[in-house]
Amino acid sequence: MHAWEGQNFTDVDLLTQRRDPRRFQVGCATSSGGRIILQWFRNMPEISQWLRRMEPQRWGLRGPALIAIKAELEPVLTRVDVHGLEEASRIAHNAVTDGHYQLLWWGDFATFAAGGDHWSDTFLTREGLTAVDASDNEQARELAASLRDRVDEAGLAQPRNSDLGSSS
C-alpha cells in the first residue's frame, strides 16, 4: 500500500512533490498550462496508480467525470505497468486528459538531474537550476533541496508533507 492510498487528495497532494528524488527516483511533471507540478515516486506501480487515481483530482475532476477519466486512463496506464514509461503511452495519456491537464514529462531522476532529455534540460534552465550528476550525493542533495524549496516558495507546502528531512 502506498502512503497516500485511502487518503483524501487534499491531505496528500503535496506528498509526491516534496519527496526526495534520490529515494523516489521515478518522476513526472503535469500542468494545465500554468504552474508545472513535478512529482516523485518509488517505482512504476506507484506512479501508474497515482496517475490513475489521484492526479485527475488535482485538476478538478470529481464525481462522474473522475470515474469516466479513470476508466479511459486504465488501458493506457496498464500499458505503463507492462512496458514502462514510453513516449507513446505519455501521448496516449494526454489524449485522454486533454482539456483538463497534460503529462509533460516522465522519467528517472538520473536523467532529469543531468538535464539528459530536452524537457528536463529546459525545466532546469527555466528554474535557474544547474544540471548535476545524480550519483554525486552532494550535488543530488542540493538539487533535491532546491526542488523542495520551489514547492515551499509557491506557498503550497506544509512541513508535514515532506520526506526530504530538515534542510539544515
Protein backbone atom coordinates (compact mmCIF):
# COMPACT_ATOMS: atom_id res chain seq x y z
CA MET A 1 0.00 0.00 0.00
CA HIS A 2 1.32 3.44 -0.92
CA ALA A 3 1.49 6.16 1.76
CA TRP A 4 -1.24 8.18 0.03
CA GLU A 5 -3.74 5.35 -0.52
CA GLY A 6 -7.01 5.72 1.32
CA GLN A 7 -6.33 9.40 1.99
CA ASN A 8 -8.22 12.45 0.82
CA PHE A 9 -6.41 14.10 -2.08
CA THR A 10 -6.20 17.42 -0.25
CA ASP A 11 -4.27 15.69 2.54
CA VAL A 12 -1.63 14.14 0.24
CA ASP A 13 -1.43 16.37 -2.83
CA LEU A 14 1.98 17.76 -1.80
CA LEU A 15 3.47 14.47 -0.62
CA THR A 16 4.75 13.43 -4.04
CA GLN A 17 6.01 16.96 -4.83
CA ARG A 18 8.15 17.22 -1.70
CA ARG A 19 9.71 13.77 -1.88
CA ASP A 20 13.45 13.33 -2.12
CA PRO A 21 14.11 12.19 -5.71
CA ARG A 22 17.27 10.44 -4.54
CA ARG A 23 14.96 7.90 -2.86
CA PHE A 24 11.89 8.24 -5.07
CA GLN A 25 13.55 8.11 -8.46
CA VAL A 26 10.61 7.85 -10.88
CA GLY A 27 9.22 11.28 -11.72
CA CYS A 28 6.61 13.08 -13.75
CA ALA A 29 5.50 16.62 -14.47
CA THR A 30 1.94 17.73 -15.10
CA SER A 31 0.34 21.07 -15.91
CA SER A 32 -2.87 22.62 -17.14
CA GLY A 33 -0.93 25.42 -18.81
CA GLY A 34 0.18 27.27 -15.68
CA ARG A 35 2.35 26.01 -12.86
CA ILE A 36 4.26 22.80 -13.52
CA ILE A 37 3.75 20.12 -10.87
CA LEU A 38 6.87 17.95 -10.53
CA GLN A 39 6.39 14.75 -8.52
CA TRP A 40 8.45 11.72 -7.45
CA PHE A 41 7.50 8.08 -6.91
CA ARG A 42 9.12 4.94 -5.53
CA ASN A 43 8.54 2.77 -8.58
CA MET A 44 6.49 2.13 -11.71
CA PRO A 45 3.44 0.68 -9.90
CA GLU A 46 3.22 3.75 -7.67
CA ILE A 47 3.40 6.32 -10.48
CA SER A 48 0.81 4.47 -12.56
CA GLN A 49 -1.56 4.16 -9.59
CA TRP A 50 -1.14 7.85 -8.74
CA LEU A 51 -1.83 8.86 -12.34
CA ARG A 52 -4.94 6.65 -12.35
CA ARG A 53 -6.40 7.60 -9.01
CA MET A 54 -5.03 10.88 -7.69
CA GLU A 55 -3.66 13.15 -10.41
CA PRO A 56 -7.03 13.75 -12.10
CA GLN A 57 -8.28 15.12 -8.76
CA ARG A 58 -5.52 17.76 -8.73
CA TRP A 59 -7.07 19.23 -11.86
CA GLY A 60 -10.60 19.36 -10.50
CA LEU A 61 -12.10 16.14 -11.77
CA ARG A 62 -14.75 14.87 -9.35
CA GLY A 63 -17.71 12.54 -9.33
CA PRO A 64 -18.81 11.16 -12.71
CA ALA A 65 -16.03 13.00 -14.56
CA LEU A 66 -13.40 11.38 -12.30
CA ILE A 67 -14.93 7.94 -12.76
CA ALA A 68 -15.02 8.39 -16.54
CA ILE A 69 -11.41 9.58 -16.88
CA LYS A 70 -10.15 6.75 -14.65
CA ALA A 71 -11.84 4.26 -16.96
CA GLU A 72 -10.32 5.93 -20.02
CA LEU A 73 -6.84 6.01 -18.45
CA GLU A 74 -6.94 2.34 -17.42
CA PRO A 75 -5.70 0.80 -20.72
CA VAL A 76 -3.01 3.48 -21.09
CA LEU A 77 -1.65 3.01 -17.58
CA THR A 78 -1.90 -0.76 -17.79
CA ARG A 79 0.48 -0.46 -20.74
CA VAL A 80 2.78 1.59 -18.47
CA ASP A 81 2.65 -1.18 -15.87
CA VAL A 82 3.80 -3.67 -18.53
CA HIS A 83 6.15 -1.63 -20.73
CA GLY A 84 7.28 1.26 -18.55
CA LEU A 85 7.34 4.98 -19.26
CA GLU A 86 7.19 5.04 -23.04
CA GLU A 87 6.57 8.17 -25.07
CA ALA A 88 3.63 6.54 -26.88
CA SER A 89 1.94 5.96 -23.52
CA ARG A 90 2.53 9.56 -22.44
CA ILE A 91 0.94 10.79 -25.68
CA ALA A 92 -2.00 8.39 -25.20
CA HIS A 93 -2.40 9.64 -21.62
CA ASN A 94 -2.53 13.22 -22.88
CA ALA A 95 -5.16 12.34 -25.47
CA VAL A 96 -7.40 11.21 -22.58
CA THR A 97 -6.66 14.18 -20.28
CA ASP A 98 -6.68 16.88 -22.98
CA GLY A 99 -8.78 19.80 -21.86
CA HIS A 100 -8.01 19.10 -18.19
CA TYR A 101 -4.23 18.71 -17.87
CA GLN A 102 -1.20 17.24 -19.63
CA LEU A 103 1.58 14.90 -18.61
CA LEU A 104 4.57 16.95 -19.76
CA TRP A 105 7.35 14.55 -18.80
CA TRP A 106 8.09 11.30 -17.06
CA GLY A 107 11.34 9.51 -16.42
CA ASP A 108 14.06 8.80 -13.90
CA PHE A 109 15.87 11.15 -11.55
CA ALA A 110 19.34 10.50 -13.01
CA THR A 111 18.21 11.66 -16.47
CA PHE A 112 16.26 14.59 -15.01
CA ALA A 113 19.13 15.73 -12.77
CA ALA A 114 21.60 15.66 -15.66
CA GLY A 115 19.22 17.52 -17.96
CA GLY A 116 19.55 14.40 -20.07
CA ASP A 117 16.44 14.95 -22.17
CA HIS A 118 15.03 18.09 -23.76
CA TRP A 119 12.22 18.57 -21.24
CA SER A 120 14.47 18.16 -18.18
CA ASP A 121 17.14 20.44 -19.60
CA THR A 122 14.56 23.13 -20.37
CA PHE A 123 12.92 22.82 -16.94
CA LEU A 124 16.23 23.09 -15.07
CA THR A 125 17.26 26.10 -17.15
CA ARG A 126 13.93 27.91 -16.69
CA GLU A 127 14.00 27.27 -12.94
CA GLY A 128 17.58 28.57 -12.69
CA LEU A 129 18.88 25.17 -11.60
CA THR A 130 22.10 23.54 -12.70
CA ALA A 131 22.20 20.03 -14.12
CA VAL A 132 24.04 17.64 -11.81
CA ASP A 133 25.38 14.12 -11.66
CA ALA A 134 22.78 12.22 -9.62
CA SER A 135 25.46 9.81 -8.42
CA ASP A 136 27.22 12.72 -6.67
CA ASN A 137 25.31 12.70 -3.38
CA GLU A 138 26.09 16.33 -2.50
CA GLN A 139 25.01 17.64 -5.90
CA ALA A 140 21.89 15.47 -5.88
CA ARG A 141 21.03 16.58 -2.32
CA GLU A 142 21.33 20.24 -3.32
CA LEU A 143 19.11 19.74 -6.36
CA ALA A 144 16.54 17.85 -4.25
CA ALA A 145 16.53 20.68 -1.70
CA SER A 146 16.06 23.25 -4.50
CA LEU A 147 13.11 21.31 -5.87
CA ARG A 148 11.54 21.15 -2.41
CA ASP A 149 12.17 24.90 -1.94
CA ARG A 150 10.39 25.51 -5.25
CA VAL A 151 7.24 23.91 -3.79
CA ASP A 152 7.62 25.74 -0.48
CA GLU A 153 8.19 29.13 -2.15
CA ALA A 154 4.97 28.73 -4.07
CA GLY A 155 3.28 28.80 -0.67
CA LEU A 156 1.71 25.43 -1.25
CA ALA A 157 3.52 23.05 1.05
CA GLN A 158 3.17 22.26 4.71
CA PRO A 159 6.17 20.77 6.56
CA ARG A 160 4.26 17.53 7.23
CA ASN A 161 4.23 16.73 3.52
CA SER A 162 7.95 16.05 3.13
CA ASP A 163 10.30 13.15 3.45
CA LEU A 164 13.39 15.14 2.47
CA GLY A 165 14.12 15.75 6.13
CA SER A 166 15.37 19.02 7.51
CA SER A 167 17.18 21.44 5.27
CA SER A 168 19.91 22.07 7.84
